[in-house]
PDB file of N, CA and C in Angstrom:
ATOM      1  N   UNK A   1      37.066   5.191 -26.645  1.00  0.00           N
ATOM      2  CA  UNK A   1      35.676   4.756 -26.880  1.00  0.00           C
ATOM      3  C   UNK A   1      35.013   4.004 -25.353  1.00  0.00           C
ATOM      4  N   UNK A   2      35.761   3.456 -24.805  1.00  0.00           N
ATOM      5  CA  UNK A   2      35.452   2.958 -23.448  1.00  0.00           C
ATOM      6  C   UNK A   2      34.998   3.890 -22.644  1.00  0.00           C
ATOM      7  N   UNK A   3      35.683   5.049 -22.393  1.00  0.00           N
ATOM      8  CA  UNK A   3      35.151   6.265 -21.528  1.00  0.00           C
ATOM      9  C   UNK A   3      33.847   6.882 -21.998  1.00  0.00           C
ATOM     10  N   UNK A   4      33.833   6.991 -23.501  1.00  0.00           N
ATOM     11  CA  UNK A   4      32.489   7.355 -23.820  1.00  0.00           C
ATOM     12  C   UNK A   4      31.328   6.291 -23.494  1.00  0.00           C
ATOM     13  N   UNK A   5      31.553   5.136 -23.736  1.00  0.00           N
ATOM     14  CA  UNK A   5      30.617   4.025 -23.500  1.00  0.00           C
ATOM     15  C   UNK A   5      30.309   4.233 -21.924  1.00  0.00           C
ATOM     16  N   UNK A   6      30.928   4.360 -21.125  1.00  0.00           N
ATOM     17  CA  UNK A   6      30.968   4.372 -19.584  1.00  0.00           C
ATOM     18  C   UNK A   6      30.227   5.465 -19.071  1.00  0.00           C
ATOM     19  N   UNK A   7      30.589   6.596 -19.639  1.00  0.00           N
ATOM     20  CA  UNK A   7      29.834   7.813 -19.292  1.00  0.00           C
ATOM     21  C   UNK A   7      28.410   7.710 -19.660  1.00  0.00           C
ATOM     22  N   UNK A   8      28.023   6.857 -20.927  1.00  0.00           N
ATOM     23  CA  UNK A   8      26.836   7.213 -21.357  1.00  0.00           C
ATOM     24  C   UNK A   8      25.842   6.104 -20.639  1.00  0.00           C
ATOM     25  N   UNK A   9      26.670   4.851 -20.033  1.00  0.00           N
ATOM     26  CA  UNK A   9      26.035   3.936 -19.287  1.00  0.00           C
ATOM     27  C   UNK A   9      25.507   4.498 -17.941  1.00  0.00           C
ATOM     28  N   UNK A  10      26.570   5.226 -17.416  1.00  0.00           N
ATOM     29  CA  UNK A  10      26.196   5.882 -15.788  1.00  0.00           C
ATOM     30  C   UNK A  10      25.295   6.874 -16.031  1.00  0.00           C
ATOM     31  N   UNK A  11      25.229   7.640 -17.323  1.00  0.00           N
ATOM     32  CA  UNK A  11      24.403   8.672 -17.525  1.00  0.00           C
ATOM     33  C   UNK A  11      22.558   7.956 -17.422  1.00  0.00           C
ATOM     34  N   UNK A  12      22.619   7.031 -18.495  1.00  0.00           N
ATOM     35  CA  UNK A  12      21.181   5.857 -18.148  1.00  0.00           C
ATOM     36  C   UNK A  12      21.173   5.657 -17.018  1.00  0.00           C
ATOM     37  N   UNK A  13      21.923   5.207 -15.971  1.00  0.00           N
ATOM     38  CA  UNK A  13      21.608   4.714 -14.777  1.00  0.00           C
ATOM     39  C   UNK A  13      21.362   6.209 -13.850  1.00  0.00           C
ATOM     40  N   UNK A  14      21.945   7.264 -14.123  1.00  0.00           N
ATOM     41  CA  UNK A  14      21.319   8.348 -13.307  1.00  0.00           C
ATOM     42  C   UNK A  14      19.932   8.491 -13.637  1.00  0.00           C
ATOM     43  N   UNK A  15      19.636   8.590 -14.824  1.00  0.00           N
ATOM     44  CA  UNK A  15      18.162   9.063 -15.347  1.00  0.00           C
ATOM     45  C   UNK A  15      17.016   8.081 -14.657  1.00  0.00           C
ATOM     46  N   UNK A  16      17.773   6.585 -14.740  1.00  0.00           N
ATOM     47  CA  UNK A  16      16.769   5.563 -14.204  1.00  0.00           C
ATOM     48  C   UNK A  16      16.321   5.779 -12.622  1.00  0.00           C
ATOM     49  N   UNK A  17      17.657   6.187 -11.991  1.00  0.00           N
ATOM     50  CA  UNK A  17      17.596   6.197 -10.394  1.00  0.00           C
ATOM     51  C   UNK A  17      16.932   7.417 -10.235  1.00  0.00           C
ATOM     52  N   UNK A  18      17.281   8.409 -10.959  1.00  0.00           N
ATOM     53  CA  UNK A  18      16.524   9.638 -10.734  1.00  0.00           C
ATOM     54  C   UNK A  18      15.157   9.415 -10.629  1.00  0.00           C
ATOM     55  N   UNK A  19      14.541   8.919 -11.954  1.00  0.00           N
ATOM     56  CA  UNK A  19      13.106   8.844 -12.167  1.00  0.00           C
ATOM     57  C   UNK A  19      12.393   7.830 -11.083  1.00  0.00           C
ATOM     58  N   UNK A  20      13.348   6.861 -10.848  1.00  0.00           N
ATOM     59  CA  UNK A  20      12.517   6.094  -9.886  1.00  0.00           C
ATOM     60  C   UNK A  20      12.413   6.353  -8.228  1.00  0.00           C
ATOM     61  N   UNK A  21      13.262   7.350  -7.858  1.00  0.00           N
ATOM     62  CA  UNK A  21      13.365   7.840  -6.650  1.00  0.00           C
ATOM     63  C   UNK A  21      12.225   8.678  -6.708  1.00  0.00           C
ATOM     64  N   UNK A  22      12.032   9.682  -7.725  1.00  0.00           N
ATOM     65  CA  UNK A  22      10.757  10.525  -7.740  1.00  0.00           C
ATOM     66  C   UNK A  22       9.664   9.927  -7.545  1.00  0.00           C
ATOM     67  N   UNK A  23       9.434   8.761  -8.337  1.00  0.00           N
ATOM     68  CA  UNK A  23       8.253   7.834  -8.209  1.00  0.00           C
ATOM     69  C   UNK A  23       8.076   7.633  -6.808  1.00  0.00           C
ATOM     70  N   UNK A  24       9.128   6.963  -6.407  1.00  0.00           N
ATOM     71  CA  UNK A  24       8.820   6.297  -4.923  1.00  0.00           C
ATOM     72  C   UNK A  24       8.614   7.619  -3.893  1.00  0.00           C
ATOM     73  N   UNK A  25       9.237   8.429  -3.948  1.00  0.00           N
ATOM     74  CA  UNK A  25       9.111   9.445  -2.998  1.00  0.00           C
ATOM     75  C   UNK A  25       7.523  10.134  -3.241  1.00  0.00           C
ATOM     76  N   UNK A  26       7.013  10.114  -4.392  1.00  0.00           N
ATOM     77  CA  UNK A  26       5.444  10.575  -4.713  1.00  0.00           C
ATOM     78  C   UNK A  26       4.488   9.380  -3.968  1.00  0.00           C
ATOM     79  N   UNK A  27       4.930   7.915  -4.348  1.00  0.00           N
ATOM     80  CA  UNK A  27       4.274   7.016  -3.552  1.00  0.00           C
ATOM     81  C   UNK A  27       4.207   7.041  -2.282  1.00  0.00           C
ATOM     82  N   UNK A  28       5.104   7.444  -1.771  1.00  0.00           N
ATOM     83  CA  UNK A  28       5.394   7.209  -0.107  1.00  0.00           C
ATOM     84  C   UNK A  28       4.620   8.513   0.376  1.00  0.00           C
ATOM     85  N   UNK A  29       4.750   9.382  -0.250  1.00  0.00           N
ATOM     86  CA  UNK A  29       3.575  10.803   0.113  1.00  0.00           C
ATOM     87  C   UNK A  29       2.538  10.349   0.109  1.00  0.00           C
ATOM     88  N   UNK A  30       1.958   9.416  -0.879  1.00  0.00           N
ATOM     89  CA  UNK A  30       0.271   9.293  -0.925  1.00  0.00           C
ATOM     90  C   UNK A  30       0.121   8.257   0.110  1.00  0.00           C
ATOM     91  N   UNK A  31       1.075   7.328   0.317  1.00  0.00           N
ATOM     92  CA  UNK A  31       0.861   6.183   1.506  1.00  0.00           C
ATOM     93  C   UNK A  31       1.094   6.988   3.131  1.00  0.00           C
ATOM     94  N   UNK A  32       2.035   7.972   3.161  1.00  0.00           N
ATOM     95  CA  UNK A  32       1.710   8.641   4.523  1.00  0.00           C
ATOM     96  C   UNK A  32       0.293   9.309   4.516  1.00  0.00           C
ATOM     97  N   UNK A  33      -0.372   9.903   3.362  1.00  0.00           N
ATOM     98  CA  UNK A  33      -1.545  10.580   3.490  1.00  0.00           C
ATOM     99  C   UNK A  33      -2.634   9.443   3.882  1.00  0.00           C
ATOM    100  N   UNK A  34      -2.492   8.351   3.554  1.00  0.00           N
ATOM    101  CA  UNK A  34      -3.519   7.205   4.063  1.00  0.00           C
ATOM    102  C   UNK A  34      -3.418   6.455   5.331  1.00  0.00           C
ATOM    103  N   UNK A  35      -2.754   7.044   6.163  1.00  0.00           N
ATOM    104  CA  UNK A  35      -2.154   6.035   7.299  1.00  0.00           C
ATOM    105  C   UNK A  35      -3.471   6.194   8.090  1.00  0.00           C
ATOM    106  N   UNK A  36      -4.253   7.241   8.219  1.00  0.00           N
ATOM    107  CA  UNK A  36      -5.246   7.240   9.177  1.00  0.00           C
ATOM    108  C   UNK A  36      -6.486   6.294   8.497  1.00  0.00           C
ATOM    109  N   UNK A  37      -6.626   6.374   7.504  1.00  0.00           N
ATOM    110  CA  UNK A  37      -7.470   5.530   6.670  1.00  0.00           C
ATOM    111  C   UNK A  37      -7.172   4.068   6.838  1.00  0.00           C
ATOM    112  N   UNK A  38      -6.008   3.788   7.048  1.00  0.00           N
ATOM    113  CA  UNK A  38      -5.328   2.294   7.295  1.00  0.00           C
ATOM    114  C   UNK A  38      -5.811   1.899   8.530  1.00  0.00           C
ATOM    115  N   UNK A  39      -5.477   2.545   9.612  1.00  0.00           N
ATOM    116  CA  UNK A  39      -6.028   2.465  10.755  1.00  0.00           C
ATOM    117  C   UNK A  39      -7.390   2.395  11.049  1.00  0.00           C
ATOM    118  N   UNK A  40      -8.074   3.132  10.380  1.00  0.00           N
ATOM    119  CA  UNK A  40      -9.546   3.050  10.566  1.00  0.00           C
ATOM    120  C   UNK A  40     -10.063   1.835  10.137  1.00  0.00           C
ATOM    121  N   UNK A  41      -9.712   1.318   8.796  1.00  0.00           N
ATOM    122  CA  UNK A  41      -9.970  -0.063   8.368  1.00  0.00           C
ATOM    123  C   UNK A  41      -9.643  -0.959   9.150  1.00  0.00           C
ATOM    124  N   UNK A  42      -8.331  -1.019   9.795  1.00  0.00           N
ATOM    125  CA  UNK A  42      -7.932  -1.925  10.541  1.00  0.00           C
ATOM    126  C   UNK A  42      -8.937  -2.185  11.962  1.00  0.00           C
ATOM    127  N   UNK A  43      -9.352  -0.871  12.268  1.00  0.00           N
ATOM    128  CA  UNK A  43     -10.147  -1.100  13.589  1.00  0.00           C
ATOM    129  C   UNK A  43     -11.485  -1.513  13.080  1.00  0.00           C
ATOM    130  N   UNK A  44     -12.047  -1.229  11.962  1.00  0.00           N
ATOM    131  CA  UNK A  44     -13.308  -1.387  11.397  1.00  0.00           C
ATOM    132  C   UNK A  44     -13.326  -3.005  10.994  1.00  0.00           C
ATOM    133  N   UNK A  45     -12.208  -3.552  10.646  1.00  0.00           N
ATOM    134  CA  UNK A  45     -12.263  -5.031  10.534  1.00  0.00           C
ATOM    135  C   UNK A  45     -12.329  -5.848  11.527  1.00  0.00           C
ATOM    136  N   UNK A  46     -12.988  -6.811  11.623  1.00  0.00           N
ATOM    137  CA  UNK A  46     -13.515  -7.462  12.961  1.00  0.00           C
ATOM    138  C   UNK A  46     -14.197  -6.994  13.986  1.00  0.00           C
ATOM    139  N   UNK A  47     -14.636  -5.770  13.943  1.00  0.00           N
ATOM    140  CA  UNK A  47     -15.148  -5.075  14.774  1.00  0.00           C
ATOM    141  C   UNK A  47     -16.832  -5.562  14.963  1.00  0.00           C
ATOM    142  N   UNK A  48     -17.558  -5.375  16.103  1.00  0.00           N
ATOM    143  CA  UNK A  48     -18.857  -5.605  16.171  1.00  0.00           C
ATOM    144  C   UNK A  48     -19.491  -4.856  14.994  1.00  0.00           C
ATOM    145  N   UNK A  49     -19.261  -3.495  14.702  1.00  0.00           N
ATOM    146  CA  UNK A  49     -19.646  -3.087  13.674  1.00  0.00           C
ATOM    147  C   UNK A  49     -19.589  -3.445  12.229  1.00  0.00           C
ATOM    148  N   UNK A  50     -18.409  -4.079  12.041  1.00  0.00           N
ATOM    149  CA  UNK A  50     -18.318  -5.076  11.127  1.00  0.00           C
ATOM    150  C   UNK A  50     -19.058  -6.092  10.547  1.00  0.00           C
ATOM    151  N   UNK A  51     -19.214  -6.979  12.028  1.00  0.00           N
ATOM    152  CA  UNK A  51     -19.592  -7.997  11.877  1.00  0.00           C
ATOM    153  C   UNK A  51     -21.433  -7.898  11.914  1.00  0.00           C
ATOM    154  N   UNK A  52     -21.747  -6.596  12.292  1.00  0.00           N
ATOM    155  CA  UNK A  52     -23.531  -6.466  11.961  1.00  0.00           C
ATOM    156  C   UNK A  52     -23.491  -6.035  10.409  1.00  0.00           C
ATOM    157  N   UNK A  53     -22.668  -5.193  10.027  1.00  0.00           N
ATOM    158  CA  UNK A  53     -22.288  -4.993   8.547  1.00  0.00           C
ATOM    159  C   UNK A  53     -22.769  -6.122   7.835  1.00  0.00           C
ATOM    160  N   UNK A  54     -21.677  -6.849   8.083  1.00  0.00           N
ATOM    161  CA  UNK A  54     -21.572  -8.275   7.199  1.00  0.00           C
ATOM    162  C   UNK A  54     -22.893  -9.071   7.254  1.00  0.00           C
ATOM    163  N   UNK A  55     -23.288  -9.380   8.660  1.00  0.00           N
ATOM    164  CA  UNK A  55     -24.526 -10.067   8.920  1.00  0.00           C
ATOM    165  C   UNK A  55     -25.748  -9.158   8.040  1.00  0.00           C
ATOM    166  N   UNK A  56     -25.701  -8.093   8.251  1.00  0.00           N
ATOM    167  CA  UNK A  56     -26.857  -7.412   7.503  1.00  0.00           C
ATOM    168  C   UNK A  56     -26.724  -7.639   5.960  1.00  0.00           C
ATOM    169  N   UNK A  57     -25.451  -7.545   5.113  1.00  0.00           N
ATOM    170  CA  UNK A  57     -25.333  -7.824   3.933  1.00  0.00           C
ATOM    171  C   UNK A  57     -25.886  -9.298   3.342  1.00  0.00           C
ATOM    172  N   UNK A  58     -25.255 -10.454   4.516  1.00  0.00           N
ATOM    173  CA  UNK A  58     -25.625 -11.896   4.167  1.00  0.00           C
ATOM    174  C   UNK A  58     -27.292 -12.144   3.935  1.00  0.00           C
ATOM    175  N   UNK A  59     -27.931 -11.276   5.228  1.00  0.00           N
ATOM    176  CA  UNK A  59     -29.360 -11.084   4.931  1.00  0.00           C
ATOM    177  C   UNK A  59     -30.362 -10.648   4.096  1.00  0.00           C
ATOM    178  N   UNK A  60     -29.184  -9.790   3.016  1.00  0.00           N
ATOM    179  CA  UNK A  60     -29.885  -9.025   1.963  1.00  0.00           C
ATOM    180  C   UNK A  60     -30.298  -7.610   2.591  1.00  0.00           C
ATOM    181  N   UNK A  61     -29.992  -7.509   3.574  1.00  0.00           N
ATOM    182  CA  UNK A  61     -30.653  -5.851   4.340  1.00  0.00           C
ATOM    183  C   UNK A  61     -30.011  -4.574   3.607  1.00  0.00           C
ATOM    184  N   UNK A  62     -29.084  -4.739   2.884  1.00  0.00           N
ATOM    185  CA  UNK A  62     -28.099  -3.651   2.264  1.00  0.00           C
ATOM    186  C   UNK A  62     -29.075  -3.348   0.885  1.00  0.00           C
ATOM    187  N   UNK A  63     -28.808  -2.212   0.363  1.00  0.00           N
ATOM    188  CA  UNK A  63     -29.097  -1.852  -1.058  1.00  0.00           C
ATOM    189  C   UNK A  63     -28.186  -2.798  -1.788  1.00  0.00           C
ATOM    190  N   UNK A  64     -28.805  -3.367  -2.902  1.00  0.00           N
ATOM    191  CA  UNK A  64     -28.289  -4.207  -4.151  1.00  0.00           C
ATOM    192  C   UNK A  64     -27.092  -3.450  -4.990  1.00  0.00           C
ATOM    193  N   UNK A  65     -27.389  -2.233  -4.687  1.00  0.00           N
ATOM    194  CA  UNK A  65     -26.268  -1.436  -5.582  1.00  0.00           C
ATOM    195  C   UNK A  65     -25.204  -0.567  -4.846  1.00  0.00           C
ATOM    196  N   UNK A  66     -25.224  -0.977  -3.407  1.00  0.00           N
ATOM    197  CA  UNK A  66     -24.272  -0.855  -2.582  1.00  0.00           C
ATOM    198  C   UNK A  66     -22.505  -1.446  -2.646  1.00  0.00           C
ATOM    199  N   UNK A  67     -21.854  -0.424  -2.913  1.00  0.00           N
ATOM    200  CA  UNK A  67     -20.528  -1.108  -3.054  1.00  0.00           C
ATOM    201  C   UNK A  67     -20.117  -1.600  -1.724  1.00  0.00           C
ATOM    202  N   UNK A  68     -19.912  -3.046  -1.696  1.00  0.00           N
ATOM    203  CA  UNK A  68     -19.515  -3.606  -0.442  1.00  0.00           C
ATOM    204  C   UNK A  68     -18.295  -4.369  -0.367  1.00  0.00           C
ATOM    205  N   UNK A  69     -17.181  -4.166  -1.051  1.00  0.00           N
ATOM    206  CA  UNK A  69     -15.907  -4.624  -0.845  1.00  0.00           C
ATOM    207  C   UNK A  69     -15.485  -4.710   0.725  1.00  0.00           C
ATOM    208  N   UNK A  70     -15.497  -3.617   1.281  1.00  0.00           N
ATOM    209  CA  UNK A  70     -15.030  -3.696   2.317  1.00  0.00           C
ATOM    210  C   UNK A  70     -15.492  -4.747   3.473  1.00  0.00           C
ATOM    211  N   UNK A  71     -16.871  -5.558   3.111  1.00  0.00           N
ATOM    212  CA  UNK A  71     -17.398  -6.255   3.474  1.00  0.00           C
ATOM    213  C   UNK A  71     -16.902  -8.077   3.129  1.00  0.00           C
ATOM    214  N   UNK A  72     -15.927  -7.739   2.157  1.00  0.00           N
ATOM    215  CA  UNK A  72     -15.454  -9.238   1.686  1.00  0.00           C
ATOM    216  C   UNK A  72     -14.255  -9.220   2.563  1.00  0.00           C
ATOM    217  N   UNK A  73     -14.324 -10.228   3.453  1.00  0.00           N
ATOM    218  CA  UNK A  73     -13.312 -10.788   4.482  1.00  0.00           C
ATOM    219  C   UNK A  73     -11.809 -10.779   3.704  1.00  0.00           C
ATOM    220  N   UNK A  74     -11.623 -11.297   2.823  1.00  0.00           N
ATOM    221  CA  UNK A  74     -10.381 -11.504   1.713  1.00  0.00           C
ATOM    222  C   UNK A  74      -9.984 -10.130   1.106  1.00  0.00           C
ATOM    223  N   UNK A  75     -11.063  -9.647   0.847  1.00  0.00           N
ATOM    224  CA  UNK A  75     -10.714  -8.539   0.180  1.00  0.00           C
ATOM    225  C   UNK A  75      -9.938  -7.120   1.314  1.00  0.00           C
ATOM    226  N   UNK A  76     -10.573  -6.763   2.415  1.00  0.00           N
ATOM    227  CA  UNK A  76     -10.294  -6.388   3.113  1.00  0.00           C
ATOM    228  C   UNK A  76      -8.720  -6.650   3.968  1.00  0.00           C
ATOM    229  N   UNK A  77      -8.667  -7.753   4.304  1.00  0.00           N
ATOM    230  CA  UNK A  77      -7.786  -8.512   4.709  1.00  0.00           C
ATOM    231  C   UNK A  77      -6.465  -8.460   4.039  1.00  0.00           C
ATOM    232  N   UNK A  78      -6.724  -8.579   2.866  1.00  0.00           N
ATOM    233  CA  UNK A  78      -5.556  -8.681   1.914  1.00  0.00           C
ATOM    234  C   UNK A  78      -5.181  -7.101   1.810  1.00  0.00           C
ATOM    235  N   UNK A  79      -5.701  -6.321   1.810  1.00  0.00           N
ATOM    236  CA  UNK A  79      -5.374  -4.981   1.932  1.00  0.00           C
ATOM    237  C   UNK A  79      -4.310  -4.409   2.972  1.00  0.00           C
ATOM    238  N   UNK A  80      -5.007  -4.909   4.047  1.00  0.00           N
ATOM    239  CA  UNK A  80      -4.476  -4.710   5.360  1.00  0.00           C
ATOM    240  C   UNK A  80      -3.153  -5.525   5.383  1.00  0.00           C
ATOM    241  N   UNK A  81      -3.090  -6.914   4.765  1.00  0.00           N
ATOM    242  CA  UNK A  81      -1.726  -7.552   5.142  1.00  0.00           C
ATOM    243  C   UNK A  81      -0.855  -6.714   3.797  1.00  0.00           C
ATOM    244  N   UNK A  82      -1.202  -6.355   2.414  1.00  0.00           N
ATOM    245  CA  UNK A  82      -0.358  -5.566   1.785  1.00  0.00           C
ATOM    246  C   UNK A  82       0.364  -4.137   2.616  1.00  0.00           C
ATOM    247  N   UNK A  83      -0.417  -3.535   3.309  1.00  0.00           N
ATOM    248  CA  UNK A  83       0.034  -2.449   4.180  1.00  0.00           C
ATOM    249  C   UNK A  83       1.080  -3.068   5.306  1.00  0.00           C
ATOM    250  N   UNK A  84       0.760  -3.752   6.032  1.00  0.00           N
ATOM    251  CA  UNK A  84       1.934  -4.506   7.064  1.00  0.00           C
ATOM    252  C   UNK A  84       2.969  -5.026   6.357  1.00  0.00           C
ATOM    253  N   UNK A  85       2.995  -5.467   5.121  1.00  0.00           N
ATOM    254  CA  UNK A  85       3.968  -5.837   4.431  1.00  0.00           C
ATOM    255  C   UNK A  85       4.967  -4.800   3.740  1.00  0.00           C
ATOM    256  N   UNK A  86       4.062  -3.873   3.267  1.00  0.00           N
ATOM    257  CA  UNK A  86       4.679  -2.478   3.042  1.00  0.00           C
ATOM    258  C   UNK A  86       5.708  -1.980   4.098  1.00  0.00           C
ATOM    259  N   UNK A  87       5.001  -1.775   5.327  1.00  0.00           N
ATOM    260  CA  UNK A  87       5.701  -1.201   6.439  1.00  0.00           C
ATOM    261  C   UNK A  87       6.975  -2.115   6.743  1.00  0.00           C
ATOM    262  N   UNK A  88       6.740  -3.485   6.545  1.00  0.00           N
ATOM    263  CA  UNK A  88       7.889  -4.509   7.092  1.00  0.00           C
ATOM    264  C   UNK A  88       9.012  -4.121   6.145  1.00  0.00           C
ATOM    265  N   UNK A  89       8.694  -3.843   4.764  1.00  0.00           N
ATOM    266  CA  UNK A  89       9.878  -3.672   3.696  1.00  0.00           C
ATOM    267  C   UNK A  89      10.255  -2.189   4.087  1.00  0.00           C
ATOM    268  N   UNK A  90       9.857  -1.125   4.522  1.00  0.00           N
ATOM    269  CA  UNK A  90      10.250  -0.088   4.492  1.00  0.00           C
ATOM    270  C   UNK A  90      11.059  -0.171   6.008  1.00  0.00           C
ATOM    271  N   UNK A  91      10.744  -0.602   6.964  1.00  0.00           N
ATOM    272  CA  UNK A  91      11.514  -0.897   8.056  1.00  0.00           C
ATOM    273  C   UNK A  91      12.796  -1.628   7.734  1.00  0.00           C
ATOM    274  N   UNK A  92      12.737  -2.785   7.022  1.00  0.00           N
ATOM    275  CA  UNK A  92      14.210  -3.597   6.588  1.00  0.00           C
ATOM    276  C   UNK A  92      14.704  -2.705   5.906  1.00  0.00           C
ATOM    277  N   UNK A  93      14.331  -1.983   4.877  1.00  0.00           N
ATOM    278  CA  UNK A  93      15.231  -1.142   4.114  1.00  0.00           C
ATOM    279  C   UNK A  93      15.700  -0.096   4.879  1.00  0.00           C
ATOM    280  N   UNK A  94      15.090   0.265   5.948  1.00  0.00           N
ATOM    281  CA  UNK A  94      15.549   1.492   6.914  1.00  0.00           C
ATOM    282  C   UNK A  94      16.890   0.678   7.776  1.00  0.00           C
ATOM    283  N   UNK A  95      16.585  -0.377   8.075  1.00  0.00           N
ATOM    284  CA  UNK A  95      17.649  -0.847   9.167  1.00  0.00           C
ATOM    285  C   UNK A  95      18.743  -1.256   8.083  1.00  0.00           C
ATOM    286  N   UNK A  96      18.519  -1.808   6.721  1.00  0.00           N
ATOM    287  CA  UNK A  96      19.683  -2.024   5.991  1.00  0.00           C
ATOM    288  C   UNK A  96      20.665  -0.806   5.715  1.00  0.00           C
ATOM    289  N   UNK A  97      20.027   0.397   5.663  1.00  0.00           N
ATOM    290  CA  UNK A  97      20.632   1.483   5.092  1.00  0.00           C
ATOM    291  C   UNK A  97      21.375   2.003   6.649  1.00  0.00           C
ATOM    292  N   UNK A  98      20.759   1.635   7.631  1.00  0.00           N
ATOM    293  CA  UNK A  98      21.748   2.221   9.108  1.00  0.00           C
ATOM    294  C   UNK A  98      22.949   1.600   9.144  1.00  0.00           C
ATOM    295  N   UNK A  99      22.668   0.073   8.642  1.00  0.00           N
ATOM    296  CA  UNK A  99      24.172  -1.123   9.028  1.00  0.00           C
ATOM    297  C   UNK A  99      25.041  -0.541   8.213  1.00  0.00           C
TER     298      UNK A  99
END
């Protein structure tokens, strides 16, 4: 019985790892696709254009129905920090697998 149980357990682990690796691979593909967008948002945040857009929003000069999450300092900052943290984690994992 021990052998059968071990094989079943290993098969469950194989299925779990296979599914997770496939999901991670897909997520990494998507993340690689948005690298240019991340760089653009990073350059925009705190730029003169962003400051002008923010000021105009504060003055009520932008349409009320305009989606403006990008003008939320915290919202944009948090997304950029999440990206930096993801990069740190990926580099850390890469360094761990090399050593």
